[in-house]
Amino acid sequence: MRKTLIVGNWKMNLERLGARSLVSAIRSKLDPQSARLKEQREIAVAPPFVLLYAVSQELAGSDILLAAQNMHFEDSGAYTGEVSPPMLKPFGVRYVILGHSERRQFFKETDDLINKKVKAALRHRINPILCVGETADQRKEGRTLDVVMAQLEGGLEGIEASQLSSLTIAYEPVWAIGTGVNATPEQAQEVHGIIRNRLQARFGTELAQGARILYGGSVTPENAASLLAMPDIDGALVGGASLKADSFAAIVMAGLG
């Protein structure tokens, strides 16, 4: 059975005191539910690089995991402004978001570059969350599946079957990110199902059925339960709602009854 994964992507928001305050507020809502959540949900937050230390301190003793928003594929070198996998490990980073649409759009990251990062994360035993998704124009043109499959194949190039269990896919339609317009559960499920079918064709049924596929794009407490109820949606990559303790906690608890 796939355990639901909820990841809060803080993007370029907050500073040290605000970050610690947010984590404290999230913990006050979720820690009392820890025994129940431990069986059904895995939770992570992804602050900016400069807040990793402060957030890691605030998470001490919690079941909430730490994630990074990006990383370079080299261990070290002349890459001004970049952060490497070995730099993330001492903070206890368990997940790293790779190929987010904002990285593709604003920083021109290619499938080849993202694939190098995925391989580096796996090499350093940091679990990559590989993001794929189409723009509004691509959906209108009927190219959703072509775009998503190309990004998926590009990101997974050279990945071995034995590595799939350490990797998470996140489908995030670009037109739904930060817009307040989310994909319907049925729209998301259609793409998630096709992603799983592609994983099955490549890695086999057992491994594909064990792989987690998250949905990202204007996830809120109001729509989380209906999205998570879909058979191939295994969690959520949460943006704006993860910056409010009430909203994020509600999403984490969505559908648990």
C-alpha atoms as a PDB file:
ATOM      1  CA  MET A   1       0.000   0.000   0.000  1.00  0.00           C
ATOM      2  CA  ARG A   2       1.331   3.423  -0.986  1.00  0.00           C
ATOM      3  CA  LYS A   3       1.589   5.826   1.939  1.00  0.00           C
ATOM      4  CA  THR A   4       0.255   9.280   1.102  1.00  0.00           C
ATOM      5  CA  LEU A   5       2.963  11.964   0.921  1.00  0.00           C
ATOM      6  CA  ILE A   6       2.165  15.643   1.524  1.00  0.00           C
ATOM      7  CA  VAL A   7       4.987  18.106   0.788  1.00  0.00           C
ATOM      8  CA  GLY A   8       4.810  21.823   1.535  1.00  0.00           C
ATOM      9  CA  ASN A   9       6.846  23.844  -0.966  1.00  0.00           C
ATOM     10  CA  TRP A  10       7.461  27.235   0.601  1.00  0.00           C
ATOM     11  CA  LYS A  11       9.168  28.602  -2.522  1.00  0.00           C
ATOM     12  CA  MET A  12      10.970  31.956  -1.935  1.00  0.00           C
ATOM     13  CA  ASN A  13       9.045  32.960   1.164  1.00  0.00           C
ATOM     14  CA  LEU A  14       9.600  33.626   4.884  1.00  0.00           C
ATOM     15  CA  GLU A  15      12.673  34.441   6.947  1.00  0.00           C
ATOM     16  CA  ARG A  16      14.136  32.702  10.005  1.00  0.00           C
ATOM     17  CA  LEU A  17      11.657  33.785  12.678  1.00  0.00           C
ATOM     18  CA  GLY A  18       8.667  33.370  10.393  1.00  0.00           C
ATOM     19  CA  ALA A  19       9.841  29.924   9.336  1.00  0.00           C
ATOM     20  CA  ARG A  20      10.289  28.734  12.904  1.00  0.00           C
ATOM     21  CA  SER A  21       6.931  30.180  13.869  1.00  0.00           C
ATOM     22  CA  LEU A  22       5.230  28.384  10.965  1.00  0.00           C
ATOM     23  CA  VAL A  23       6.805  25.029  11.823  1.00  0.00           C
ATOM     24  CA  SER A  24       5.871  25.461  15.473  1.00  0.00           C
ATOM     25  CA  ALA A  25       2.261  26.192  14.500  1.00  0.00           C
ATOM     26  CA  ILE A  26       2.145  23.202  12.135  1.00  0.00           C
ATOM     27  CA  ARG A  27       3.531  20.939  14.822  1.00  0.00           C
ATOM     28  CA  SER A  28       0.997  22.162  17.357  1.00  0.00           C
ATOM     29  CA  LYS A  29      -1.745  20.951  15.020  1.00  0.00           C
ATOM     30  CA  LEU A  30      -0.184  17.734  13.730  1.00  0.00           C
ATOM     31  CA  ASP A  31       1.908  16.381  16.619  1.00  0.00           C
ATOM     32  CA  PRO A  32      -1.198  15.347  18.608  1.00  0.00           C
ATOM     33  CA  GLN A  33      -2.190  13.255  15.562  1.00  0.00           C
ATOM     34  CA  SER A  34       1.277  11.743  15.085  1.00  0.00           C
ATOM     35  CA  ALA A  35       0.346   8.133  15.933  1.00  0.00           C
ATOM     36  CA  ARG A  36      -2.570   8.215  13.511  1.00  0.00           C
ATOM     37  CA  LEU A  37      -0.646  10.029  10.803  1.00  0.00           C
ATOM     38  CA  LYS A  38       2.380   7.777  11.016  1.00  0.00           C
ATOM     39  CA  GLU A  39       0.375   4.856   9.677  1.00  0.00           C
ATOM     40  CA  GLN A  40      -1.203   6.682   6.748  1.00  0.00           C
ATOM     41  CA  ARG A  41       0.688   9.852   5.883  1.00  0.00           C
ATOM     42  CA  GLU A  42       4.225  11.073   5.343  1.00  0.00           C
ATOM     43  CA  ILE A  43       4.753  14.824   5.682  1.00  0.00           C
ATOM     44  CA  ALA A  44       7.605  17.075   4.561  1.00  0.00           C
ATOM     45  CA  VAL A  45       8.280  20.804   4.280  1.00  0.00           C
ATOM     46  CA  ALA A  46      10.633  22.405   1.763  1.00  0.00           C
ATOM     47  CA  PRO A  47      11.966  25.796   2.907  1.00  0.00           C
ATOM     48  CA  PRO A  48      14.499  27.932   1.012  1.00  0.00           C
ATOM     49  CA  PHE A  49      18.124  26.833   1.391  1.00  0.00           C
ATOM     50  CA  VAL A  50      18.997  29.531   3.928  1.00  0.00           C
ATOM     51  CA  LEU A  51      16.229  28.343   6.247  1.00  0.00           C
ATOM     52  CA  LEU A  52      17.130  24.644   6.279  1.00  0.00           C
ATOM     53  CA  TYR A  53      19.093  24.874   9.533  1.00  0.00           C
ATOM     54  CA  ALA A  54      16.430  26.843  11.415  1.00  0.00           C
ATOM     55  CA  VAL A  55      13.650  24.573  10.182  1.00  0.00           C
ATOM     56  CA  SER A  56      15.638  21.426  10.971  1.00  0.00           C
ATOM     57  CA  GLN A  57      16.026  22.658  14.545  1.00  0.00           C
ATOM     58  CA  GLU A  58      12.311  23.365  14.843  1.00  0.00           C
ATOM     59  CA  LEU A  59      11.469  19.915  13.447  1.00  0.00           C
ATOM     60  CA  ALA A  60      13.633  18.063  15.990  1.00  0.00           C
ATOM     61  CA  GLY A  61      11.624  15.279  17.599  1.00  0.00           C
ATOM     62  CA  SER A  62       8.894  15.516  14.961  1.00  0.00           C
ATOM     63  CA  ASP A  63       7.845  13.014  12.308  1.00  0.00           C
ATOM     64  CA  ILE A  64       7.734  15.846   9.764  1.00  0.00           C
ATOM     65  CA  LEU A  65      10.580  15.480   7.272  1.00  0.00           C
ATOM     66  CA  LEU A  66      12.787  18.096   5.644  1.00  0.00           C
ATOM     67  CA  ALA A  67      12.923  18.648   1.896  1.00  0.00           C
ATOM     68  CA  ALA A  68      14.938  20.951  -0.361  1.00  0.00           C
ATOM     69  CA  GLN A  69      13.517  22.900  -3.274  1.00  0.00           C
ATOM     70  CA  ASN A  70      16.368  22.220  -5.691  1.00  0.00           C
ATOM     71  CA  MET A  71      20.039  21.249  -5.880  1.00  0.00           C
ATOM     72  CA  HIS A  72      22.968  21.021  -8.276  1.00  0.00           C
ATOM     73  CA  PHE A  73      24.061  17.704  -9.745  1.00  0.00           C
ATOM     74  CA  GLU A  74      27.765  18.089  -8.916  1.00  0.00           C
ATOM     75  CA  ASP A  75      29.178  17.482  -5.437  1.00  0.00           C
ATOM     76  CA  SER A  76      31.337  20.632  -5.539  1.00  0.00           C
ATOM     77  CA  GLY A  77      32.952  23.025  -7.969  1.00  0.00           C
ATOM     78  CA  ALA A  78      32.869  26.469  -9.543  1.00  0.00           C
ATOM     79  CA  TYR A  79      29.081  26.849  -9.597  1.00  0.00           C
ATOM     80  CA  THR A  80      28.454  30.198  -7.935  1.00  0.00           C
ATOM     81  CA  GLY A  81      25.138  30.358  -6.117  1.00  0.00           C
ATOM     82  CA  GLU A  82      24.458  26.614  -6.279  1.00  0.00           C
ATOM     83  CA  VAL A  83      23.980  24.052  -3.499  1.00  0.00           C
ATOM     84  CA  SER A  84      25.181  20.443  -3.768  1.00  0.00           C
ATOM     85  CA  PRO A  85      23.767  17.177  -2.392  1.00  0.00           C
ATOM     86  CA  PRO A  86      26.543  16.799   0.228  1.00  0.00           C
ATOM     87  CA  MET A  87      25.672  20.285   1.513  1.00  0.00           C
ATOM     88  CA  LEU A  88      22.052  19.224   2.053  1.00  0.00           C
ATOM     89  CA  LYS A  89      22.713  15.922   3.792  1.00  0.00           C
ATOM     90  CA  PRO A  90      23.936  17.307   7.157  1.00  0.00           C
ATOM     91  CA  PHE A  91      20.604  19.103   7.644  1.00  0.00           C
ATOM     92  CA  GLY A  92      18.749  15.814   7.409  1.00  0.00           C
ATOM     93  CA  VAL A  93      17.187  16.569   4.026  1.00  0.00           C
ATOM     94  CA  ARG A  94      15.204  13.500   2.927  1.00  0.00           C
ATOM     95  CA  TYR A  95      13.521  14.802  -0.233  1.00  0.00           C
ATOM     96  CA  VAL A  96      14.444  17.245  -2.986  1.00  0.00           C
ATOM     97  CA  ILE A  97      12.029  18.810  -5.496  1.00  0.00           C
ATOM     98  CA  LEU A  98      13.488  18.648  -9.007  1.00  0.00           C
ATOM     99  CA  GLY A  99      12.201  19.969 -12.317  1.00  0.00           C
ATOM    100  CA  HIS A 100       9.536  22.205 -10.801  1.00  0.00           C
ATOM    101  CA  SER A 101       7.797  24.189 -13.522  1.00  0.00           C
ATOM    102  CA  GLU A 102       9.198  27.425 -12.108  1.00  0.00           C
ATOM    103  CA  ARG A 103      12.720  26.030 -12.520  1.00  0.00           C
ATOM    104  CA  ARG A 104      11.881  25.010 -16.086  1.00  0.00           C
ATOM    105  CA  GLN A 105      10.231  28.344 -16.922  1.00  0.00           C
ATOM    106  CA  PHE A 106      12.366  30.958 -15.179  1.00  0.00           C
ATOM    107  CA  PHE A 107      15.727  29.199 -15.076  1.00  0.00           C
ATOM    108  CA  LYS A 108      15.433  27.320 -18.380  1.00  0.00           C
ATOM    109  CA  GLU A 109      16.130  23.914 -16.854  1.00  0.00           C
ATOM    110  CA  THR A 110      16.029  21.147 -19.457  1.00  0.00           C
ATOM    111  CA  ASP A 111      15.055  17.501 -19.129  1.00  0.00           C
ATOM    112  CA  ASP A 112      18.721  16.565 -19.480  1.00  0.00           C
ATOM    113  CA  LEU A 113      19.774  18.847 -16.613  1.00  0.00           C
ATOM    114  CA  ILE A 114      16.915  17.628 -14.426  1.00  0.00           C
ATOM    115  CA  ASN A 115      17.870  14.033 -15.176  1.00  0.00           C
ATOM    116  CA  LYS A 116      21.414  14.717 -13.942  1.00  0.00           C
ATOM    117  CA  LYS A 117      19.959  16.101 -10.723  1.00  0.00           C
ATOM    118  CA  VAL A 118      17.686  13.076 -10.271  1.00  0.00           C
ATOM    119  CA  LYS A 119      20.668  10.749 -10.643  1.00  0.00           C
ATOM    120  CA  ALA A 120      22.747  12.839  -8.215  1.00  0.00           C
ATOM    121  CA  ALA A 121      19.968  12.795  -5.618  1.00  0.00           C
ATOM    122  CA  LEU A 122      19.661   9.014  -5.856  1.00  0.00           C
ATOM    123  CA  ARG A 123      23.425   8.637  -5.650  1.00  0.00           C
ATOM    124  CA  HIS A 124      23.401  10.574  -2.369  1.00  0.00           C
ATOM    125  CA  ARG A 125      20.304   8.804  -1.036  1.00  0.00           C
ATOM    126  CA  ILE A 126      18.133  11.889  -1.152  1.00  0.00           C
ATOM    127  CA  ASN A 127      14.699  11.009  -2.513  1.00  0.00           C
ATOM    128  CA  PRO A 128      13.953  13.052  -5.644  1.00  0.00           C
ATOM    129  CA  ILE A 129      10.488  14.391  -6.418  1.00  0.00           C
ATOM    130  CA  LEU A 130      10.466  14.695 -10.205  1.00  0.00           C
ATOM    131  CA  CYS A 131       7.939  17.297 -11.380  1.00  0.00           C
ATOM    132  CA  VAL A 132       6.194  17.119 -14.749  1.00  0.00           C
ATOM    133  CA  GLY A 133       3.346  19.148 -16.196  1.00  0.00           C
ATOM    134  CA  GLU A 134       1.960  21.058 -19.159  1.00  0.00           C
ATOM    135  CA  THR A 135       1.192  24.739 -19.688  1.00  0.00           C
ATOM    136  CA  ALA A 136      -2.262  26.128 -20.454  1.00  0.00           C
ATOM    137  CA  ASP A 137      -1.399  26.522 -24.146  1.00  0.00           C
ATOM    138  CA  GLN A 138      -0.090  22.966 -24.362  1.00  0.00           C
ATOM    139  CA  ARG A 139      -3.323  21.648 -22.830  1.00  0.00           C
ATOM    140  CA  LYS A 140      -5.452  23.714 -25.219  1.00  0.00           C
ATOM    141  CA  GLU A 141      -3.443  22.308 -28.120  1.00  0.00           C
ATOM    142  CA  GLY A 142      -4.146  18.757 -26.930  1.00  0.00           C
ATOM    143  CA  ARG A 143      -0.470  18.133 -26.128  1.00  0.00           C
ATOM    144  CA  THR A 144      -0.797  17.370 -22.412  1.00  0.00           C
ATOM    145  CA  LEU A 145       0.205  13.726 -22.602  1.00  0.00           C
ATOM    146  CA  ASP A 146       2.987  14.305 -25.151  1.00  0.00           C
ATOM    147  CA  VAL A 147       4.536  16.983 -22.944  1.00  0.00           C
ATOM    148  CA  VAL A 148       4.158  15.082 -19.683  1.00  0.00           C
ATOM    149  CA  MET A 149       5.496  11.823 -21.135  1.00  0.00           C
ATOM    150  CA  ALA A 150       8.485  13.587 -22.696  1.00  0.00           C
ATOM    151  CA  GLN A 151       9.350  15.199 -19.356  1.00  0.00           C
ATOM    152  CA  LEU A 152       8.852  11.893 -17.553  1.00  0.00           C
ATOM    153  CA  GLU A 153      11.044   9.935 -19.951  1.00  0.00           C
ATOM    154  CA  GLY A 154      13.682  12.659 -19.962  1.00  0.00           C
ATOM    155  CA  GLY A 155      13.806  12.822 -16.192  1.00  0.00           C
ATOM    156  CA  LEU A 156      13.987   9.042 -15.833  1.00  0.00           C
ATOM    157  CA  GLU A 157      16.610   8.450 -18.524  1.00  0.00           C
ATOM    158  CA  GLY A 158      19.101   5.887 -17.244  1.00  0.00           C
ATOM    159  CA  ILE A 159      17.208   5.255 -13.994  1.00  0.00           C
ATOM    160  CA  GLU A 160      17.241   1.591 -12.994  1.00  0.00           C
ATOM    161  CA  ALA A 161      14.248  -0.378 -11.766  1.00  0.00           C
ATOM    162  CA  SER A 162      15.861  -0.806  -8.345  1.00  0.00           C
ATOM    163  CA  GLN A 163      15.855   2.995  -7.911  1.00  0.00           C
ATOM    164  CA  LEU A 164      12.166   3.580  -8.583  1.00  0.00           C
ATOM    165  CA  SER A 165      11.108   2.970  -4.985  1.00  0.00           C
ATOM    166  CA  SER A 166      13.253   5.957  -3.913  1.00  0.00           C
ATOM    167  CA  LEU A 167      11.720   8.285  -6.497  1.00  0.00           C
ATOM    168  CA  THR A 168       8.442  10.212  -6.447  1.00  0.00           C
ATOM    169  CA  ILE A 169       6.702  11.755  -9.456  1.00  0.00           C
ATOM    170  CA  ALA A 170       4.683  14.966  -9.081  1.00  0.00           C
ATOM    171  CA  TYR A 171       2.186  15.961 -11.763  1.00  0.00           C
ATOM    172  CA  GLU A 172       1.752  19.714 -11.589  1.00  0.00           C
ATOM    173  CA  PRO A 173      -0.168  21.297 -14.458  1.00  0.00           C
ATOM    174  CA  VAL A 174       1.491  24.681 -14.890  1.00  0.00           C
ATOM    175  CA  TRP A 175      -1.856  26.379 -15.502  1.00  0.00           C
ATOM    176  CA  ALA A 176      -2.968  25.385 -12.005  1.00  0.00           C
ATOM    177  CA  ILE A 177       0.074  26.547 -10.044  1.00  0.00           C
ATOM    178  CA  GLY A 178      -0.628  29.650  -7.976  1.00  0.00           C
ATOM    179  CA  THR A 179      -3.657  30.475 -10.091  1.00  0.00           C
ATOM    180  CA  GLY A 180      -6.391  29.205  -7.804  1.00  0.00           C
ATOM    181  CA  VAL A 181      -7.609  27.015 -10.675  1.00  0.00           C
ATOM    182  CA  ASN A 182      -6.816  23.407  -9.903  1.00  0.00           C
ATOM    183  CA  ALA A 183      -7.265  20.419 -12.152  1.00  0.00           C
ATOM    184  CA  THR A 184     -10.429  18.522 -11.333  1.00  0.00           C
ATOM    185  CA  PRO A 185      -9.894  15.193  -9.589  1.00  0.00           C
ATOM    186  CA  GLU A 186     -10.864  13.475 -12.851  1.00  0.00           C
ATOM    187  CA  GLN A 187      -8.405  15.522 -14.938  1.00  0.00           C
ATOM    188  CA  ALA A 188      -5.612  14.822 -12.486  1.00  0.00           C
ATOM    189  CA  GLN A 189      -6.475  11.127 -12.224  1.00  0.00           C
ATOM    190  CA  GLU A 190      -6.383  10.732 -16.006  1.00  0.00           C
ATOM    191  CA  VAL A 191      -2.800  11.985 -16.193  1.00  0.00           C
ATOM    192  CA  HIS A 192      -1.736  10.140 -13.047  1.00  0.00           C
ATOM    193  CA  GLY A 193      -3.111   6.902 -14.447  1.00  0.00           C
ATOM    194  CA  ILE A 194      -1.208   7.350 -17.700  1.00  0.00           C
ATOM    195  CA  ILE A 195       1.988   8.134 -15.792  1.00  0.00           C
ATOM    196  CA  ARG A 196       1.569   4.919 -13.808  1.00  0.00           C
ATOM    197  CA  ASN A 197       0.929   2.961 -17.007  1.00  0.00           C
ATOM    198  CA  ARG A 198       4.147   4.340 -18.473  1.00  0.00           C
ATOM    199  CA  LEU A 199       6.040   3.359 -15.324  1.00  0.00           C
ATOM    200  CA  GLN A 200       4.510  -0.100 -15.584  1.00  0.00           C
ATOM    201  CA  ALA A 201       5.615  -0.490 -19.184  1.00  0.00           C
ATOM    202  CA  ARG A 202       9.139   0.486 -18.236  1.00  0.00           C
ATOM    203  CA  PHE A 203       9.646  -1.021 -14.791  1.00  0.00           C
ATOM    204  CA  GLY A 204       6.955  -3.691 -14.438  1.00  0.00           C
ATOM    205  CA  THR A 205       3.621  -3.866 -12.646  1.00  0.00           C
ATOM    206  CA  GLU A 206       4.841  -4.420  -9.087  1.00  0.00           C
ATOM    207  CA  LEU A 207       7.275  -1.501  -9.057  1.00  0.00           C
ATOM    208  CA  ALA A 208       4.845   0.817 -10.849  1.00  0.00           C
ATOM    209  CA  GLN A 209       2.087   0.027  -8.360  1.00  0.00           C
ATOM    210  CA  GLY A 210       4.447   0.915  -5.521  1.00  0.00           C
ATOM    211  CA  ALA A 211       5.506   4.258  -7.023  1.00  0.00           C
ATOM    212  CA  ARG A 212       4.036   7.445  -5.567  1.00  0.00           C
ATOM    213  CA  ILE A 213       2.591  10.096  -7.863  1.00  0.00           C
ATOM    214  CA  LEU A 214       1.678  13.418  -6.254  1.00  0.00           C
ATOM    215  CA  TYR A 215      -0.585  16.155  -7.550  1.00  0.00           C
ATOM    216  CA  GLY A 216       0.483  19.800  -7.363  1.00  0.00           C
ATOM    217  CA  GLY A 217      -1.415  22.905  -8.405  1.00  0.00           C
ATOM    218  CA  SER A 218      -3.631  25.069  -6.168  1.00  0.00           C
ATOM    219  CA  VAL A 219      -4.209  22.306  -3.616  1.00  0.00           C
ATOM    220  CA  THR A 220      -6.425  23.611  -0.798  1.00  0.00           C
ATOM    221  CA  PRO A 221      -8.210  22.195   2.236  1.00  0.00           C
ATOM    222  CA  GLU A 222     -11.410  22.370   0.178  1.00  0.00           C
ATOM    223  CA  ASN A 223     -10.220  20.191  -2.724  1.00  0.00           C
ATOM    224  CA  ALA A 224      -7.573  17.994  -1.091  1.00  0.00           C
ATOM    225  CA  ALA A 225      -9.864  15.158  -0.017  1.00  0.00           C
ATOM    226  CA  SER A 226     -11.447  14.758  -3.465  1.00  0.00           C
ATOM    227  CA  LEU A 227      -8.027  14.740  -5.129  1.00  0.00           C
ATOM    228  CA  LEU A 228      -6.547  12.251  -2.656  1.00  0.00           C
ATOM    229  CA  ALA A 229      -9.558   9.969  -3.134  1.00  0.00           C
ATOM    230  CA  MET A 230      -8.476   9.239  -6.713  1.00  0.00           C
ATOM    231  CA  PRO A 231      -6.845   5.797  -7.091  1.00  0.00           C
ATOM    232  CA  ASP A 232      -3.571   7.014  -8.628  1.00  0.00           C
ATOM    233  CA  ILE A 233      -3.112  10.251  -6.643  1.00  0.00           C
ATOM    234  CA  ASP A 234      -0.780   9.424  -3.766  1.00  0.00           C
ATOM    235  CA  GLY A 235      -0.336  12.819  -2.181  1.00  0.00           C
ATOM    236  CA  ALA A 236       0.109  16.497  -2.851  1.00  0.00           C
ATOM    237  CA  LEU A 237       2.823  19.023  -3.558  1.00  0.00           C
ATOM    238  CA  VAL A 238       1.362  22.073  -1.828  1.00  0.00           C
ATOM    239  CA  GLY A 239       2.419  25.641  -2.606  1.00  0.00           C
ATOM    240  CA  GLY A 240       0.673  28.695  -1.164  1.00  0.00           C
ATOM    241  CA  ALA A 241      -1.482  26.746   1.283  1.00  0.00           C
ATOM    242  CA  SER A 242       1.652  25.328   2.923  1.00  0.00           C
ATOM    243  CA  LEU A 243       2.530  28.819   4.208  1.00  0.00           C
ATOM    244  CA  LYS A 244      -0.458  28.792   6.564  1.00  0.00           C
ATOM    245  CA  ALA A 245      -0.440  26.282   9.391  1.00  0.00           C
ATOM    246  CA  ASP A 246      -4.224  25.849   9.430  1.00  0.00           C
ATOM    247  CA  SER A 247      -4.422  25.201   5.692  1.00  0.00           C
ATOM    248  CA  PHE A 248      -1.439  22.871   5.534  1.00  0.00           C
ATOM    249  CA  ALA A 249      -2.601  20.839   8.530  1.00  0.00           C
ATOM    250  CA  ALA A 250      -6.072  20.553   7.017  1.00  0.00           C
ATOM    251  CA  ILE A 251      -4.600  19.237   3.766  1.00  0.00           C
ATOM    252  CA  VAL A 252      -2.473  16.732   5.658  1.00  0.00           C
ATOM    253  CA  MET A 253      -5.565  15.482   7.495  1.00  0.00           C
ATOM    254  CA  ALA A 254      -7.839  15.556   4.425  1.00  0.00           C
ATOM    255  CA  GLY A 255      -9.715  12.347   3.808  1.00  0.00           C
ATOM    256  CA  LEU A 256      -8.659  10.670   7.027  1.00  0.00           C
ATOM    257  CA  GLY A 257     -12.152  10.964   8.492  1.00  0.00           C
END
